[in-house]
Amino acid sequence: MTEDDKDTLGEFKRLVNMTPKKLENWLETAESKKVGSKEDGKGESVGHESGRHIIRILEKKQSDYSDADIKHIHKVVGYIKRHLAQKPKGDITETNWRYSLMNWGHDPQT
């Protein structure tokens, strides 16, 4: 693991603030399934699929991370940072913005 990977992993641990169980339960909700872009315009959204990968990462020991896991960790950190920068004004409780972040393992209200 490179120094950049280690730095990004630290950010991942800070930004992904949902437990595997909380994220798993969230991904079962209608709100979770309605948000996000879909690669083929149908089926599962990119963020929803990402959430399932995040659960697998969180349930592993760091020493067991694959190259694909490390690559996904970089993607997750980048997405969460970009999305946080686009925070809408007002109450975010029931917004697609929050729901999308939650699919990526970050609840801005936690």
C-alpha atoms as a PDB file:
ATOM      1  CA  MET A   1       0.000   0.000   0.000  1.00  0.00           C
ATOM      2  CA  THR A   2       1.422   3.380  -1.016  1.00  0.00           C
ATOM      3  CA  GLU A   3       1.538   6.471   1.211  1.00  0.00           C
ATOM      4  CA  ASP A   4      -1.257   7.963  -0.909  1.00  0.00           C
ATOM      5  CA  ASP A   5      -3.332   4.825  -0.313  1.00  0.00           C
ATOM      6  CA  LYS A   6      -2.710   5.098   3.440  1.00  0.00           C
ATOM      7  CA  ASP A   7      -3.748   8.766   3.460  1.00  0.00           C
ATOM      8  CA  THR A   8      -6.890   7.979   1.470  1.00  0.00           C
ATOM      9  CA  LEU A   9      -7.700   5.067   3.767  1.00  0.00           C
ATOM     10  CA  GLY A  10      -7.542   7.452   6.727  1.00  0.00           C
ATOM     11  CA  GLU A  11      -9.981   9.770   4.958  1.00  0.00           C
ATOM     12  CA  PHE A  12     -12.211   6.809   4.097  1.00  0.00           C
ATOM     13  CA  LYS A  13     -12.379   5.836   7.774  1.00  0.00           C
ATOM     14  CA  ARG A  14     -13.242   9.422   8.703  1.00  0.00           C
ATOM     15  CA  LEU A  15     -15.801  10.017   5.933  1.00  0.00           C
ATOM     16  CA  VAL A  16     -17.598   6.664   5.939  1.00  0.00           C
ATOM     17  CA  ASN A  17     -19.506   7.158   9.172  1.00  0.00           C
ATOM     18  CA  MET A  18     -22.134   4.448   8.778  1.00  0.00           C
ATOM     19  CA  THR A  19     -21.605   0.981  10.231  1.00  0.00           C
ATOM     20  CA  PRO A  20     -21.916  -2.000   7.898  1.00  0.00           C
ATOM     21  CA  LYS A  21     -25.275  -2.895   9.494  1.00  0.00           C
ATOM     22  CA  LYS A  22     -26.630   0.665   9.280  1.00  0.00           C
ATOM     23  CA  LEU A  23     -25.529   0.909   5.634  1.00  0.00           C
ATOM     24  CA  GLU A  24     -26.984  -2.509   4.839  1.00  0.00           C
ATOM     25  CA  ASN A  25     -30.327  -1.510   6.384  1.00  0.00           C
ATOM     26  CA  TRP A  26     -30.267   1.817   4.522  1.00  0.00           C
ATOM     27  CA  LEU A  27     -29.642   0.122   1.171  1.00  0.00           C
ATOM     28  CA  GLU A  28     -32.894  -1.832   1.627  1.00  0.00           C
ATOM     29  CA  THR A  29     -35.018   1.340   1.773  1.00  0.00           C
ATOM     30  CA  ALA A  30     -37.036   2.810  -1.081  1.00  0.00           C
ATOM     31  CA  GLU A  31     -35.250   6.152  -0.569  1.00  0.00           C
ATOM     32  CA  SER A  32     -31.882   4.503  -1.138  1.00  0.00           C
ATOM     33  CA  LYS A  33     -33.024   2.772  -4.304  1.00  0.00           C
ATOM     34  CA  LYS A  34     -34.591   5.876  -5.881  1.00  0.00           C
ATOM     35  CA  VAL A  35     -31.455   8.061  -5.989  1.00  0.00           C
ATOM     36  CA  GLY A  36     -28.328   8.004  -8.094  1.00  0.00           C
ATOM     37  CA  SER A  37     -27.406   7.536 -11.691  1.00  0.00           C
ATOM     38  CA  LYS A  38     -27.658   4.188 -13.389  1.00  0.00           C
ATOM     39  CA  GLU A  39     -25.011   3.175 -15.885  1.00  0.00           C
ATOM     40  CA  ASP A  40     -27.519   1.728 -18.325  1.00  0.00           C
ATOM     41  CA  GLY A  41     -30.456   3.899 -17.269  1.00  0.00           C
ATOM     42  CA  LYS A  42     -32.054   1.001 -15.394  1.00  0.00           C
ATOM     43  CA  GLY A  43     -31.223  -1.431 -12.646  1.00  0.00           C
ATOM     44  CA  GLU A  44     -29.050  -0.591  -9.654  1.00  0.00           C
ATOM     45  CA  SER A  45     -27.532   2.869  -9.289  1.00  0.00           C
ATOM     46  CA  VAL A  46     -23.765   3.352  -9.143  1.00  0.00           C
ATOM     47  CA  GLY A  47     -24.020   4.618  -5.557  1.00  0.00           C
ATOM     48  CA  HIS A  48     -26.186   1.712  -4.442  1.00  0.00           C
ATOM     49  CA  GLU A  49     -23.703  -0.777  -5.869  1.00  0.00           C
ATOM     50  CA  SER A  50     -20.903   1.198  -4.228  1.00  0.00           C
ATOM     51  CA  GLY A  51     -22.657   0.881  -0.872  1.00  0.00           C
ATOM     52  CA  ARG A  52     -22.623  -2.894  -1.145  1.00  0.00           C
ATOM     53  CA  HIS A  53     -18.868  -2.817  -1.915  1.00  0.00           C
ATOM     54  CA  ILE A  54     -18.286  -0.477   1.046  1.00  0.00           C
ATOM     55  CA  ILE A  55     -19.993  -2.979   3.355  1.00  0.00           C
ATOM     56  CA  ARG A  56     -17.642  -5.719   2.142  1.00  0.00           C
ATOM     57  CA  ILE A  57     -14.634  -3.428   2.716  1.00  0.00           C
ATOM     58  CA  LEU A  58     -15.776  -2.467   6.219  1.00  0.00           C
ATOM     59  CA  GLU A  59     -16.217  -6.114   7.154  1.00  0.00           C
ATOM     60  CA  LYS A  60     -12.633  -7.017   6.135  1.00  0.00           C
ATOM     61  CA  LYS A  61      -9.360  -6.577   7.948  1.00  0.00           C
ATOM     62  CA  GLN A  62      -7.214  -3.901   6.295  1.00  0.00           C
ATOM     63  CA  SER A  63      -4.558  -6.534   5.556  1.00  0.00           C
ATOM     64  CA  ASP A  64      -7.138  -8.370   3.420  1.00  0.00           C
ATOM     65  CA  TYR A  65      -7.974  -5.427   1.144  1.00  0.00           C
ATOM     66  CA  SER A  66      -7.623  -6.267  -2.540  1.00  0.00           C
ATOM     67  CA  ASP A  67      -6.373  -3.875  -5.204  1.00  0.00           C
ATOM     68  CA  ALA A  68     -10.036  -3.443  -6.218  1.00  0.00           C
ATOM     69  CA  ASP A  69     -10.901  -2.496  -2.631  1.00  0.00           C
ATOM     70  CA  ILE A  70      -8.145   0.134  -2.528  1.00  0.00           C
ATOM     71  CA  LYS A  71      -9.295   1.511  -5.877  1.00  0.00           C
ATOM     72  CA  HIS A  72     -12.875   1.679  -4.585  1.00  0.00           C
ATOM     73  CA  ILE A  73     -11.748   3.418  -1.382  1.00  0.00           C
ATOM     74  CA  HIS A  74     -10.189   6.165  -3.540  1.00  0.00           C
ATOM     75  CA  LYS A  75     -13.431   6.436  -5.546  1.00  0.00           C
ATOM     76  CA  VAL A  76     -15.557   6.656  -2.378  1.00  0.00           C
ATOM     77  CA  VAL A  77     -13.416   9.393  -0.821  1.00  0.00           C
ATOM     78  CA  GLY A  78     -13.482  11.408  -4.049  1.00  0.00           C
ATOM     79  CA  TYR A  79     -17.247  11.069  -4.406  1.00  0.00           C
ATOM     80  CA  ILE A  80     -18.029  12.020  -0.804  1.00  0.00           C
ATOM     81  CA  LYS A  81     -15.742  15.065  -0.907  1.00  0.00           C
ATOM     82  CA  ARG A  82     -17.215  16.305  -4.206  1.00  0.00           C
ATOM     83  CA  HIS A  83     -20.777  15.713  -3.041  1.00  0.00           C
ATOM     84  CA  LEU A  84     -20.256  17.431   0.324  1.00  0.00           C
ATOM     85  CA  ALA A  85     -19.065  20.511  -1.556  1.00  0.00           C
ATOM     86  CA  GLN A  86     -22.493  20.667  -3.269  1.00  0.00           C
ATOM     87  CA  LYS A  87     -24.546  20.819  -0.054  1.00  0.00           C
ATOM     88  CA  PRO A  88     -27.926  22.426  -0.710  1.00  0.00           C
ATOM     89  CA  LYS A  89     -29.319  25.200   1.443  1.00  0.00           C
ATOM     90  CA  GLY A  90     -31.939  24.457   4.077  1.00  0.00           C
ATOM     91  CA  ASP A  91     -33.011  21.263   5.759  1.00  0.00           C
ATOM     92  CA  ILE A  92     -31.231  18.277   4.209  1.00  0.00           C
ATOM     93  CA  THR A  93     -33.038  15.579   6.192  1.00  0.00           C
ATOM     94  CA  GLU A  94     -35.195  14.203   3.377  1.00  0.00           C
ATOM     95  CA  THR A  95     -33.187  15.216   0.318  1.00  0.00           C
ATOM     96  CA  ASN A  96     -31.818  13.197  -2.556  1.00  0.00           C
ATOM     97  CA  TRP A  97     -28.463  14.861  -1.767  1.00  0.00           C
ATOM     98  CA  ARG A  98     -28.362  13.228   1.672  1.00  0.00           C
ATOM     99  CA  TYR A  99     -29.754   9.933   0.401  1.00  0.00           C
ATOM    100  CA  SER A 100     -27.081   9.750  -2.283  1.00  0.00           C
ATOM    101  CA  LEU A 101     -24.317  10.357   0.267  1.00  0.00           C
ATOM    102  CA  MET A 102     -25.774   7.670   2.489  1.00  0.00           C
ATOM    103  CA  ASN A 103     -25.546   5.172  -0.382  1.00  0.00           C
ATOM    104  CA  TRP A 104     -21.810   5.915  -0.288  1.00  0.00           C
ATOM    105  CA  GLY A 105     -21.631   5.305   3.468  1.00  0.00           C
ATOM    106  CA  HIS A 106     -21.731   8.916   4.700  1.00  0.00           C
ATOM    107  CA  ASP A 107     -24.662  10.323   6.648  1.00  0.00           C
ATOM    108  CA  PRO A 108     -24.151  14.093   6.893  1.00  0.00           C
ATOM    109  CA  GLN A 109     -26.512  14.164   9.872  1.00  0.00           C
ATOM    110  CA  THR A 110     -24.411  11.822  11.995  1.00  0.00           C
END
